[in-house]
Each structure stands twice: as C-alpha cells, then as structure tokens.
PDB file of N, CA and C in Angstrom:
ATOM      1  N   MET A   1     -11.348 -10.887  53.104  1.00  0.00           N
ATOM      2  CA  MET A   1     -11.179 -12.285  52.766  1.00  0.00           C
ATOM      3  C   MET A   1     -12.558 -12.949  52.735  1.00  0.00           C
ATOM      4  N   ASN A   2     -12.768 -13.730  51.741  1.00  0.00           N
ATOM      5  CA  ASN A   2     -14.014 -14.446  51.551  1.00  0.00           C
ATOM      6  C   ASN A   2     -14.188 -15.495  52.652  1.00  0.00           C
ATOM      7  N   ALA A   3     -15.395 -15.644  53.163  1.00  0.00           N
ATOM      8  CA  ALA A   3     -15.662 -16.617  54.230  1.00  0.00           C
ATOM      9  C   ALA A   3     -15.401 -18.045  53.749  1.00  0.00           C
ATOM     10  N   TYR A   4     -15.744 -18.330  52.494  1.00  0.00           N
ATOM     11  CA  TYR A   4     -15.501 -19.668  51.955  1.00  0.00           C
ATOM     12  C   TYR A   4     -14.001 -19.954  51.847  1.00  0.00           C
ATOM     13  N   LEU A   5     -13.255 -18.930  51.448  1.00  0.00           N
ATOM     14  CA  LEU A   5     -11.802 -19.091  51.366  1.00  0.00           C
ATOM     15  C   LEU A   5     -11.233 -19.373  52.740  1.00  0.00           C
ATOM     16  N   LEU A   6     -11.706 -18.662  53.733  1.00  0.00           N
ATOM     17  CA  LEU A   6     -11.233 -18.875  55.096  1.00  0.00           C
ATOM     18  C   LEU A   6     -11.549 -20.289  55.575  1.00  0.00           C
ATOM     19  N   ILE A   7     -12.734 -20.771  55.284  1.00  0.00           N
ATOM     20  CA  ILE A   7     -13.110 -22.139  55.672  1.00  0.00           C
ATOM     21  C   ILE A   7     -12.194 -23.153  54.994  1.00  0.00           C
ATOM     22  N   ILE A   8     -11.912 -22.954  53.718  1.00  0.00           N
ATOM     23  CA  ILE A   8     -11.047 -23.874  52.978  1.00  0.00           C
ATOM     24  C   ILE A   8      -9.630 -23.847  53.544  1.00  0.00           C
ATOM     25  N   LEU A   9      -9.109 -22.655  53.813  1.00  0.00           N
ATOM     26  CA  LEU A   9      -7.740 -22.551  54.335  1.00  0.00           C
ATOM     27  C   LEU A   9      -7.622 -23.162  55.728  1.00  0.00           C
ATOM     28  N   VAL A  10      -8.597 -22.880  56.587  1.00  0.00           N
ATOM     29  CA  VAL A  10      -8.565 -23.456  57.940  1.00  0.00           C
ATOM     30  C   VAL A  10      -8.679 -24.972  57.872  1.00  0.00           C
ATOM     31  N   SER A  11      -9.523 -25.474  56.989  1.00  0.00           N
ATOM     32  CA  SER A  11      -9.669 -26.926  56.834  1.00  0.00           C
ATOM     33  C   SER A  11      -8.380 -27.563  56.330  1.00  0.00           C
ATOM     34  N   LEU A  12      -7.785 -26.952  55.327  1.00  0.00           N
ATOM     35  CA  LEU A  12      -6.543 -27.489  54.761  1.00  0.00           C
ATOM     36  C   LEU A  12      -5.426 -27.518  55.796  1.00  0.00           C
ATOM     37  N   LEU A  13      -5.266 -26.417  56.506  1.00  0.00           N
ATOM     38  CA  LEU A  13      -4.217 -26.362  57.527  1.00  0.00           C
ATOM     39  C   LEU A  13      -4.550 -27.228  58.733  1.00  0.00           C
ATOM     40  N   GLY A  14      -5.835 -27.356  59.059  1.00  0.00           N
ATOM     41  CA  GLY A  14      -6.233 -28.216  60.171  1.00  0.00           C
ATOM     42  C   GLY A  14      -5.952 -29.682  59.900  1.00  0.00           C
ATOM     43  N   VAL A  15      -6.252 -30.116  58.696  1.00  0.00           N
ATOM     44  CA  VAL A  15      -5.972 -31.516  58.322  1.00  0.00           C
ATOM     45  C   VAL A  15      -4.468 -31.763  58.340  1.00  0.00           C
ATOM     46  N   TYR A  16      -3.700 -30.799  57.817  1.00  0.00           N
ATOM     47  CA  TYR A  16      -2.239 -30.938  57.834  1.00  0.00           C
ATOM     48  C   TYR A  16      -1.729 -31.049  59.272  1.00  0.00           C
ATOM     49  N   ALA A  17      -2.191 -30.162  60.147  1.00  0.00           N
ATOM     50  CA  ALA A  17      -1.734 -30.178  61.538  1.00  0.00           C
ATOM     51  C   ALA A  17      -2.142 -31.463  62.251  1.00  0.00           C
ATOM     52  N   LEU A  18      -3.358 -31.933  61.984  1.00  0.00           N
ATOM     53  CA  LEU A  18      -3.821 -33.173  62.606  1.00  0.00           C
ATOM     54  C   LEU A  18      -2.989 -34.373  62.164  1.00  0.00           C
ATOM     55  N   HIS A  19      -2.713 -34.477  60.867  1.00  0.00           N
ATOM     56  CA  HIS A  19      -1.882 -35.576  60.376  1.00  0.00           C
ATOM     57  C   HIS A  19      -0.467 -35.496  60.933  1.00  0.00           C
ATOM     58  N   PHE A  20       0.073 -34.278  60.979  1.00  0.00           N
ATOM     59  CA  PHE A  20       1.427 -34.100  61.500  1.00  0.00           C
ATOM     60  C   PHE A  20       1.499 -34.515  62.970  1.00  0.00           C
ATOM     61  N   ALA A  21       0.516 -34.090  63.763  1.00  0.00           N
ATOM     62  CA  ALA A  21       0.503 -34.454  65.185  1.00  0.00           C
ATOM     63  C   ALA A  21       0.337 -35.960  65.370  1.00  0.00           C
ATOM     64  N   ALA A  22      -0.493 -36.576  64.562  1.00  0.00           N
ATOM     65  CA  ALA A  22      -0.689 -38.030  64.672  1.00  0.00           C
ATOM     66  C   ALA A  22       0.603 -38.781  64.346  1.00  0.00           C
ATOM     67  N   ARG A  23       1.325 -38.315  63.319  1.00  0.00           N
ATOM     68  CA  ARG A  23       2.596 -38.974  62.991  1.00  0.00           C
ATOM     69  C   ARG A  23       3.623 -38.778  64.100  1.00  0.00           C
ATOM     70  N   ARG A  24       3.653 -37.608  64.730  1.00  0.00           N
ATOM     71  CA  ARG A  24       4.582 -37.383  65.844  1.00  0.00           C
ATOM     72  C   ARG A  24       4.260 -38.323  66.998  1.00  0.00           C
ATOM     73  N   LEU A  25       2.981 -38.468  67.321  1.00  0.00           N
ATOM     74  CA  LEU A  25       2.592 -39.359  68.411  1.00  0.00           C
ATOM     75  C   LEU A  25       2.916 -40.811  68.074  1.00  0.00           C
ATOM     76  N   ASN A  26       2.692 -41.205  66.836  1.00  0.00           N
ATOM     77  CA  ASN A  26       3.036 -42.572  66.423  1.00  0.00           C
ATOM     78  C   ASN A  26       4.535 -42.801  66.475  1.00  0.00           C
ATOM     79  N   ALA A  27       5.315 -41.813  66.063  1.00  0.00           N
ATOM     80  CA  ALA A  27       6.775 -41.955  66.107  1.00  0.00           C
ATOM     81  C   ALA A  27       7.263 -42.068  67.544  1.00  0.00           C
ATOM     82  N   ARG A  28       6.639 -41.325  68.437  1.00  0.00           N
ATOM     83  CA  ARG A  28       7.036 -41.393  69.839  1.00  0.00           C
ATOM     84  C   ARG A  28       6.710 -42.757  70.440  1.00  0.00           C
ATOM     85  N   ALA A  29       5.663 -43.397  69.940  1.00  0.00           N
ATOM     86  CA  ALA A  29       5.246 -44.693  70.480  1.00  0.00           C
ATOM     87  C   ALA A  29       6.093 -45.855  69.968  1.00  0.00           C
ATOM     88  N   LEU A  30       6.871 -45.618  68.904  1.00  0.00           N
ATOM     89  CA  LEU A  30       7.704 -46.706  68.371  1.00  0.00           C
ATOM     90  C   LEU A  30       8.827 -47.028  69.341  1.00  0.00           C
ATOM     91  N   ASN A  31       9.067 -48.312  69.528  1.00  0.00           N
ATOM     92  CA  ASN A  31      10.114 -48.776  70.425  1.00  0.00           C
ATOM     93  C   ASN A  31      10.892 -49.873  69.716  1.00  0.00           C
ATOM     94  N   PRO A  32      12.207 -49.704  69.553  1.00  0.00           N
ATOM     95  CA  PRO A  32      12.973 -50.726  68.833  1.00  0.00           C
ATOM     96  C   PRO A  32      13.135 -52.048  69.586  1.00  0.00           C
ATOM     97  N   ASP A  33      12.788 -52.048  70.869  1.00  0.00           N
ATOM     98  CA  ASP A  33      12.900 -53.284  71.651  1.00  0.00           C
ATOM     99  C   ASP A  33      11.673 -54.160  71.413  1.00  0.00           C
ATOM    100  N   LEU A  34      11.930 -55.408  71.120  1.00  0.00           N
ATOM    101  CA  LEU A  34      10.867 -56.365  70.856  1.00  0.00           C
ATOM    102  C   LEU A  34      10.118 -56.676  72.152  1.00  0.00           C
ATOM    103  N   PRO A  35       8.794 -56.584  72.138  1.00  0.00           N
ATOM    104  CA  PRO A  35       8.029 -56.938  73.348  1.00  0.00           C
ATOM    105  C   PRO A  35       8.230 -58.410  73.713  1.00  0.00           C
ATOM    106  N   GLU A  36       8.156 -58.671  74.983  1.00  0.00           N
ATOM    107  CA  GLU A  36       8.389 -60.025  75.508  1.00  0.00           C
ATOM    108  C   GLU A  36       7.416 -61.042  74.910  1.00  0.00           C
ATOM    109  N   GLU A  37       6.189 -60.624  74.649  1.00  0.00           N
ATOM    110  CA  GLU A  37       5.170 -61.546  74.144  1.00  0.00           C
ATOM    111  C   GLU A  37       5.484 -62.060  72.736  1.00  0.00           C
ATOM    112  N   PHE A  38       6.303 -61.331  71.988  1.00  0.00           N
ATOM    113  CA  PHE A  38       6.575 -61.697  70.602  1.00  0.00           C
ATOM    114  C   PHE A  38       7.975 -62.271  70.378  1.00  0.00           C
ATOM    115  N   ARG A  39       8.712 -62.531  71.419  1.00  0.00           N
ATOM    116  CA  ARG A  39      10.090 -63.014  71.265  1.00  0.00           C
ATOM    117  C   ARG A  39      10.168 -64.360  70.549  1.00  0.00           C
ATOM    118  N   ASP A  40       9.168 -65.202  70.718  1.00  0.00           N
ATOM    119  CA  ASP A  40       9.199 -66.496  70.053  1.00  0.00           C
ATOM    120  C   ASP A  40       8.636 -66.430  68.632  1.00  0.00           C
ATOM    121  N   VAL A  41       8.014 -65.315  68.249  1.00  0.00           N
ATOM    122  CA  VAL A  41       7.401 -65.183  66.928  1.00  0.00           C
ATOM    123  C   VAL A  41       8.279 -64.380  65.975  1.00  0.00           C
ATOM    124  N   LEU A  42       8.862 -63.288  66.455  1.00  0.00           N
ATOM    125  CA  LEU A  42       9.650 -62.385  65.615  1.00  0.00           C
ATOM    126  C   LEU A  42      11.117 -62.368  66.016  1.00  0.00           C
ATOM    127  N   ASP A  43      11.946 -62.044  65.056  1.00  0.00           N
ATOM    128  CA  ASP A  43      13.369 -61.838  65.307  1.00  0.00           C
ATOM    129  C   ASP A  43      13.557 -60.395  65.773  1.00  0.00           C
ATOM    130  N   ALA A  44      14.353 -60.185  66.806  1.00  0.00           N
ATOM    131  CA  ALA A  44      14.543 -58.841  67.375  1.00  0.00           C
ATOM    132  C   ALA A  44      15.175 -57.886  66.359  1.00  0.00           C
ATOM    133  N   ASP A  45      16.132 -58.370  65.558  1.00  0.00           N
ATOM    134  CA  ASP A  45      16.781 -57.519  64.563  1.00  0.00           C
ATOM    135  C   ASP A  45      15.785 -57.087  63.486  1.00  0.00           C
ATOM    136  N   ARG A  46      14.974 -58.019  63.043  1.00  0.00           N
ATOM    137  CA  ARG A  46      13.979 -57.699  62.009  1.00  0.00           C
ATOM    138  C   ARG A  46      12.938 -56.702  62.542  1.00  0.00           C
ATOM    139  N   TYR A  47      12.555 -56.862  63.791  1.00  0.00           N
ATOM    140  CA  TYR A  47      11.604 -55.942  64.410  1.00  0.00           C
ATOM    141  C   TYR A  47      12.207 -54.536  64.517  1.00  0.00           C
ATOM    142  N   ALA A  48      13.470 -54.443  64.907  1.00  0.00           N
ATOM    143  CA  ALA A  48      14.143 -53.141  65.013  1.00  0.00           C
ATOM    144  C   ALA A  48      14.236 -52.474  63.640  1.00  0.00           C
ATOM    145  N   ARG A  49      14.532 -53.269  62.598  1.00  0.00           N
ATOM    146  CA  ARG A  49      14.577 -52.703  61.239  1.00  0.00           C
ATOM    147  C   ARG A  49      13.207 -52.202  60.801  1.00  0.00           C
ATOM    148  N   SER A  50      12.156 -52.910  61.178  1.00  0.00           N
ATOM    149  CA  SER A  50      10.812 -52.448  60.805  1.00  0.00           C
ATOM    150  C   SER A  50      10.475 -51.139  61.505  1.00  0.00           C
ATOM    151  N   GLN A  51      10.943 -50.967  62.723  1.00  0.00           N
ATOM    152  CA  GLN A  51      10.725 -49.709  63.435  1.00  0.00           C
ATOM    153  C   GLN A  51      11.504 -48.565  62.779  1.00  0.00           C
ATOM    154  N   GLU A  52      12.735 -48.847  62.345  1.00  0.00           N
ATOM    155  CA  GLU A  52      13.526 -47.845  61.632  1.00  0.00           C
ATOM    156  C   GLU A  52      12.869 -47.461  60.318  1.00  0.00           C
ATOM    157  N   TYR A  53      12.330 -48.452  59.622  1.00  0.00           N
ATOM    158  CA  TYR A  53      11.626 -48.188  58.369  1.00  0.00           C
ATOM    159  C   TYR A  53      10.398 -47.312  58.616  1.00  0.00           C
ATOM    160  N   ALA A  54       9.674 -47.600  59.685  1.00  0.00           N
ATOM    161  CA  ALA A  54       8.486 -46.800  59.999  1.00  0.00           C
ATOM    162  C   ALA A  54       8.867 -45.348  60.277  1.00  0.00           C
ATOM    163  N   ARG A  55       9.973 -45.138  60.999  1.00  0.00           N
ATOM    164  CA  ARG A  55      10.430 -43.765  61.256  1.00  0.00           C
ATOM    165  C   ARG A  55      10.834 -43.056  59.968  1.00  0.00           C
ATOM    166  N   ALA A  56      11.559 -43.744  59.108  1.00  0.00           N
ATOM    167  CA  ALA A  56      11.974 -43.146  57.842  1.00  0.00           C
ATOM    168  C   ALA A  56      10.771 -42.839  56.966  1.00  0.00           C
ATOM    169  N   ASN A  57       9.801 -43.732  56.961  1.00  0.00           N
ATOM    170  CA  ASN A  57       8.589 -43.519  56.178  1.00  0.00           C
ATOM    171  C   ASN A  57       7.818 -42.309  56.703  1.00  0.00           C
ATOM    172  N   MET A  58       7.785 -42.119  58.005  1.00  0.00           N
ATOM    173  CA  MET A  58       7.113 -40.962  58.584  1.00  0.00           C
ATOM    174  C   MET A  58       7.809 -39.665  58.194  1.00  0.00           C
ATOM    175  N   LYS A  59       9.142 -39.683  58.166  1.00  0.00           N
ATOM    176  CA  LYS A  59       9.876 -38.476  57.758  1.00  0.00           C
ATOM    177  C   LYS A  59       9.587 -38.142  56.294  1.00  0.00           C
ATOM    178  N   PHE A  60       9.581 -39.156  55.453  1.00  0.00           N
ATOM    179  CA  PHE A  60       9.263 -38.930  54.047  1.00  0.00           C
ATOM    180  C   PHE A  60       7.845 -38.401  53.885  1.00  0.00           C
ATOM    181  N   THR A  61       6.915 -38.958  54.642  1.00  0.00           N
ATOM    182  CA  THR A  61       5.528 -38.503  54.586  1.00  0.00           C
ATOM    183  C   THR A  61       5.412 -37.062  55.056  1.00  0.00           C
ATOM    184  N   ASP A  62       6.191 -36.675  56.082  1.00  0.00           N
ATOM    185  CA  ASP A  62       6.196 -35.280  56.532  1.00  0.00           C
ATOM    186  C   ASP A  62       6.609 -34.342  55.410  1.00  0.00           C
ATOM    187  N   VAL A  63       7.685 -34.679  54.730  1.00  0.00           N
ATOM    188  CA  VAL A  63       8.166 -33.834  53.639  1.00  0.00           C
ATOM    189  C   VAL A  63       7.140 -33.797  52.515  1.00  0.00           C
ATOM    190  N   ASN A  64       6.626 -34.944  52.145  1.00  0.00           N
ATOM    191  CA  ASN A  64       5.657 -35.036  51.056  1.00  0.00           C
ATOM    192  C   ASN A  64       4.403 -34.223  51.359  1.00  0.00           C
ATOM    193  N   GLU A  65       3.860 -34.383  52.556  1.00  0.00           N
ATOM    194  CA  GLU A  65       2.628 -33.676  52.899  1.00  0.00           C
ATOM    195  C   GLU A  65       2.869 -32.172  53.062  1.00  0.00           C
ATOM    196  N   THR A  66       4.040 -31.789  53.553  1.00  0.00           N
ATOM    197  CA  THR A  66       4.362 -30.367  53.669  1.00  0.00           C
ATOM    198  C   THR A  66       4.427 -29.707  52.299  1.00  0.00           C
ATOM    199  N   VAL A  67       5.094 -30.358  51.363  1.00  0.00           N
ATOM    200  CA  VAL A  67       5.193 -29.809  50.010  1.00  0.00           C
ATOM    201  C   VAL A  67       3.820 -29.758  49.352  1.00  0.00           C
ATOM    202  N   ASN A  68       3.041 -30.809  49.482  1.00  0.00           N
ATOM    203  CA  ASN A  68       1.705 -30.827  48.887  1.00  0.00           C
ATOM    204  C   ASN A  68       0.803 -29.746  49.475  1.00  0.00           C
ATOM    205  N   THR A  69       0.869 -29.551  50.784  1.00  0.00           N
ATOM    206  CA  THR A  69       0.051 -28.513  51.412  1.00  0.00           C
ATOM    207  C   THR A  69       0.509 -27.128  50.986  1.00  0.00           C
ATOM    208  N   ALA A  70       1.817 -26.920  50.918  1.00  0.00           N
ATOM    209  CA  ALA A  70       2.336 -25.618  50.477  1.00  0.00           C
ATOM    210  C   ALA A  70       1.926 -25.321  49.035  1.00  0.00           C
ATOM    211  N   LEU A  71       1.995 -26.327  48.172  1.00  0.00           N
ATOM    212  CA  LEU A  71       1.574 -26.122  46.786  1.00  0.00           C
ATOM    213  C   LEU A  71       0.078 -25.839  46.685  1.00  0.00           C
ATOM    214  N   ALA A  72      -0.713 -26.547  47.476  1.00  0.00           N
ATOM    215  CA  ALA A  72      -2.158 -26.299  47.461  1.00  0.00           C
ATOM    216  C   ALA A  72      -2.470 -24.888  47.947  1.00  0.00           C
ATOM    217  N   LEU A  73      -1.796 -24.451  49.007  1.00  0.00           N
ATOM    218  CA  LEU A  73      -1.998 -23.092  49.502  1.00  0.00           C
ATOM    219  C   LEU A  73      -1.578 -22.058  48.464  1.00  0.00           C
ATOM    220  N   ALA A  74      -0.437 -22.278  47.828  1.00  0.00           N
ATOM    221  CA  ALA A  74       0.020 -21.347  46.794  1.00  0.00           C
ATOM    222  C   ALA A  74      -0.968 -21.315  45.636  1.00  0.00           C
ATOM    223  N   PHE A  75      -1.448 -22.468  45.239  1.00  0.00           N
ATOM    224  CA  PHE A  75      -2.403 -22.561  44.138  1.00  0.00           C
ATOM    225  C   PHE A  75      -3.677 -21.782  44.468  1.00  0.00           C
ATOM    226  N   ILE A  76      -4.153 -21.911  45.697  1.00  0.00           N
ATOM    227  CA  ILE A  76      -5.382 -21.232  46.102  1.00  0.00           C
ATOM    228  C   ILE A  76      -5.153 -19.735  46.284  1.00  0.00           C
ATOM    229  N   LEU A  77      -4.105 -19.367  47.023  1.00  0.00           N
ATOM    230  CA  LEU A  77      -3.891 -17.961  47.366  1.00  0.00           C
ATOM    231  C   LEU A  77      -3.386 -17.114  46.203  1.00  0.00           C
ATOM    232  N   LEU A  78      -2.657 -17.715  45.280  1.00  0.00           N
ATOM    233  CA  LEU A  78      -2.157 -16.951  44.141  1.00  0.00           C
ATOM    234  C   LEU A  78      -3.146 -16.916  42.986  1.00  0.00           C
ATOM    235  N   GLY A  79      -4.260 -17.541  43.164  1.00  0.00           N
ATOM    236  CA  GLY A  79      -5.283 -17.509  42.132  1.00  0.00           C
ATOM    237  C   GLY A  79      -4.952 -18.358  40.930  1.00  0.00           C
ATOM    238  N   ALA A  80      -4.195 -19.402  41.128  1.00  0.00           N
ATOM    239  CA  ALA A  80      -3.773 -20.244  40.008  1.00  0.00           C
ATOM    240  C   ALA A  80      -4.927 -21.079  39.460  1.00  0.00           C
ATOM    241  N   SER A  81      -6.034 -21.088  40.164  1.00  0.00           N
ATOM    242  CA  SER A  81      -7.171 -21.856  39.667  1.00  0.00           C
ATOM    243  C   SER A  81      -8.048 -21.023  38.734  1.00  0.00           C
ATOM    244  N   THR A  82      -7.607 -19.847  38.400  1.00  0.00           N
ATOM    245  CA  THR A  82      -8.381 -18.970  37.522  1.00  0.00           C
ATOM    246  C   THR A  82      -7.939 -19.122  36.078  1.00  0.00           C
ATOM    247  N   SER A  83      -8.292 -18.176  35.265  1.00  0.00           N
ATOM    248  CA  SER A  83      -8.200 -18.317  33.815  1.00  0.00           C
ATOM    249  C   SER A  83      -6.785 -18.481  33.265  1.00  0.00           C
ATOM    250  N   TRP A  84      -5.754 -18.008  33.944  1.00  0.00           N
ATOM    251  CA  TRP A  84      -4.420 -18.097  33.330  1.00  0.00           C
ATOM    252  C   TRP A  84      -3.887 -19.519  33.275  1.00  0.00           C
ATOM    253  N   THR A  85      -4.440 -20.434  34.067  1.00  0.00           N
ATOM    254  CA  THR A  85      -3.993 -21.824  33.979  1.00  0.00           C
ATOM    255  C   THR A  85      -4.779 -22.619  32.956  1.00  0.00           C
ATOM    256  N   TRP A  86      -5.900 -22.112  32.509  1.00  0.00           N
ATOM    257  CA  TRP A  86      -6.731 -22.859  31.571  1.00  0.00           C
ATOM    258  C   TRP A  86      -6.000 -23.202  30.283  1.00  0.00           C
ATOM    259  N   PRO A  87      -5.265 -22.291  29.652  1.00  0.00           N
ATOM    260  CA  PRO A  87      -4.533 -22.665  28.434  1.00  0.00           C
ATOM    261  C   PRO A  87      -3.461 -23.723  28.674  1.00  0.00           C
ATOM    262  N   CYS A  88      -3.028 -23.876  29.920  1.00  0.00           N
ATOM    263  CA  CYS A  88      -1.981 -24.853  30.238  1.00  0.00           C
ATOM    264  C   CYS A  88      -2.540 -26.247  30.483  1.00  0.00           C
ATOM    265  N   ALA A  89      -3.852 -26.386  30.521  1.00  0.00           N
ATOM    266  CA  ALA A  89      -4.464 -27.681  30.817  1.00  0.00           C
ATOM    267  C   ALA A  89      -4.194 -28.661  29.678  1.00  0.00           C
ATOM    268  N   PRO A  90      -3.924 -29.920  30.006  1.00  0.00           N
ATOM    269  CA  PRO A  90      -3.725 -30.927  28.953  1.00  0.00           C
ATOM    270  C   PRO A  90      -4.976 -31.075  28.092  1.00  0.00           C
ATOM    271  N   ARG A  91      -4.783 -31.529  26.901  1.00  0.00           N
ATOM    272  CA  ARG A  91      -5.878 -31.637  25.939  1.00  0.00           C
ATOM    273  C   ARG A  91      -6.996 -32.562  26.441  1.00  0.00           C
ATOM    274  N   ALA A  92      -6.661 -33.582  27.195  1.00  0.00           N
ATOM    275  CA  ALA A  92      -7.678 -34.510  27.698  1.00  0.00           C
ATOM    276  C   ALA A  92      -8.598 -33.818  28.701  1.00  0.00           C
ATOM    277  N   TRP A  93      -8.088 -32.811  29.411  1.00  0.00           N
ATOM    278  CA  TRP A  93      -8.891 -32.112  30.398  1.00  0.00           C
ATOM    279  C   TRP A  93      -9.639 -30.941  29.779  1.00  0.00           C
ATOM    280  N   ALA A  94      -9.102 -30.381  28.705  1.00  0.00           N
ATOM    281  CA  ALA A  94      -9.661 -29.173  28.114  1.00  0.00           C
ATOM    282  C   ALA A  94     -10.385 -29.518  26.820  1.00  0.00           C
ATOM    283  N   PRO A  95     -11.708 -29.535  26.830  1.00  0.00           N
ATOM    284  CA  PRO A  95     -12.437 -29.869  25.611  1.00  0.00           C
ATOM    285  C   PRO A  95     -12.432 -28.733  24.593  1.00  0.00           C
ATOM    286  N   PHE A  96     -11.969 -27.548  24.992  1.00  0.00           N
ATOM    287  CA  PHE A  96     -11.939 -26.402  24.105  1.00  0.00           C
ATOM    288  C   PHE A  96     -10.502 -26.066  23.734  1.00  0.00           C
ATOM    289  N   PRO A  97     -10.264 -25.342  22.654  1.00  0.00           N
ATOM    290  CA  PRO A  97      -8.903 -24.986  22.256  1.00  0.00           C
ATOM    291  C   PRO A  97      -8.217 -24.153  23.325  1.00  0.00           C
ATOM    292  N   PRO A  98      -6.904 -24.275  23.451  1.00  0.00           N
ATOM    293  CA  PRO A  98      -6.176 -23.472  24.448  1.00  0.00           C
ATOM    294  C   PRO A  98      -6.386 -21.986  24.200  1.00  0.00           C
ATOM    295  N   GLY A  99      -6.503 -21.245  25.270  1.00  0.00           N
ATOM    296  CA  GLY A  99      -6.669 -19.816  25.180  1.00  0.00           C
ATOM    297  C   GLY A  99      -8.103 -19.358  25.238  1.00  0.00           C
ATOM    298  N   CYS A 100      -9.056 -20.267  25.166  1.00  0.00           N
ATOM    299  CA  CYS A 100     -10.456 -19.847  25.203  1.00  0.00           C
ATOM    300  C   CYS A 100     -10.922 -19.762  26.645  1.00  0.00           C
ATOM    301  N   SER A 101     -11.956 -19.006  26.853  1.00  0.00           N
ATOM    302  CA  SER A 101     -12.504 -18.782  28.178  1.00  0.00           C
ATOM    303  C   SER A 101     -13.403 -19.949  28.583  1.00  0.00           C
ATOM    304  N   ILE A 102     -13.411 -20.263  29.862  1.00  0.00           N
ATOM    305  CA  ILE A 102     -14.275 -21.332  30.359  1.00  0.00           C
ATOM    306  C   ILE A 102     -15.734 -20.885  30.285  1.00  0.00           C
ATOM    307  N   SER A 103     -15.980 -19.616  30.602  1.00  0.00           N
ATOM    308  CA  SER A 103     -17.365 -19.148  30.644  1.00  0.00           C
ATOM    309  C   SER A 103     -17.937 -18.940  29.244  1.00  0.00           C
ATOM    310  N   ARG A 104     -17.093 -18.625  28.238  1.00  0.00           N
ATOM    311  CA  ARG A 104     -17.560 -18.419  26.871  1.00  0.00           C
ATOM    312  C   ARG A 104     -16.661 -19.197  25.910  1.00  0.00           C
ATOM    313  N   PRO A 105     -16.839 -20.505  25.796  1.00  0.00           N
ATOM    314  CA  PRO A 105     -15.932 -21.315  24.973  1.00  0.00           C
ATOM    315  C   PRO A 105     -16.027 -20.999  23.472  1.00  0.00           C
ATOM    316  N   TRP A 106     -17.078 -20.340  23.035  1.00  0.00           N
ATOM    317  CA  TRP A 106     -17.227 -20.074  21.602  1.00  0.00           C
ATOM    318  C   TRP A 106     -16.398 -18.892  21.145  1.00  0.00           C
ATOM    319  N   GLU A 107     -15.782 -18.124  22.073  1.00  0.00           N
ATOM    320  CA  GLU A 107     -14.965 -16.968  21.675  1.00  0.00           C
ATOM    321  C   GLU A 107     -13.519 -17.354  21.534  1.00  0.00           C
TER     322      GLU A 107
END
C-alpha cells in the first residue's frame, strides 16, 4: 500500500470518526427541559421542539456523512479516479473529446 494512500485513508476516516464523536457528544448534551434562566424568554414547548429538530438533524447528518465517506472510500480504493471515469466526465469538465487520454489528449 502506498504511504500517500494510507495517509489519505487515515485522514478521511479520522475526520469521519471525529465528526461522528462530536455529534454523539452534542446529542448527549441536549436536554428537552428549558433551563430556568430562559423561562421568561422562551416557550418550553418551542424549546423542546428545537431540541427534537436538532436530534433529527444529527441523525440525517450521520446518514449523509456515512454515505459520503463510503462513496469517497470506494472511489479511492476502486481506482475510480483513473482513466475509466474520464470519458464519463461532463463536457464542461472535459476539454477534450470523450475517450481520450488525460496524459496524451492528441490521441
């Protein structure tokens, strides 16, 4: 395994794990009970709904980030960043005709 590949994979998985752990800690800190200091400023029902929304948003973010990380890993490990994806690139990204090589665009 290439050392650069290992650095990229460890970094990608490390960032994923760090974000996941931070969201778990934030979810654990959420409390649906309105603090005493804010009783005259906020409605307790509205505060509880905002806490529920935050939990739901965290779950959605977990799914989204898991799928994105899995796709990035698959893209890197399966070699999808190599020549077989070049013909599939949209015309705005590919200045050369589909099917041509990146290293020798004149062929």
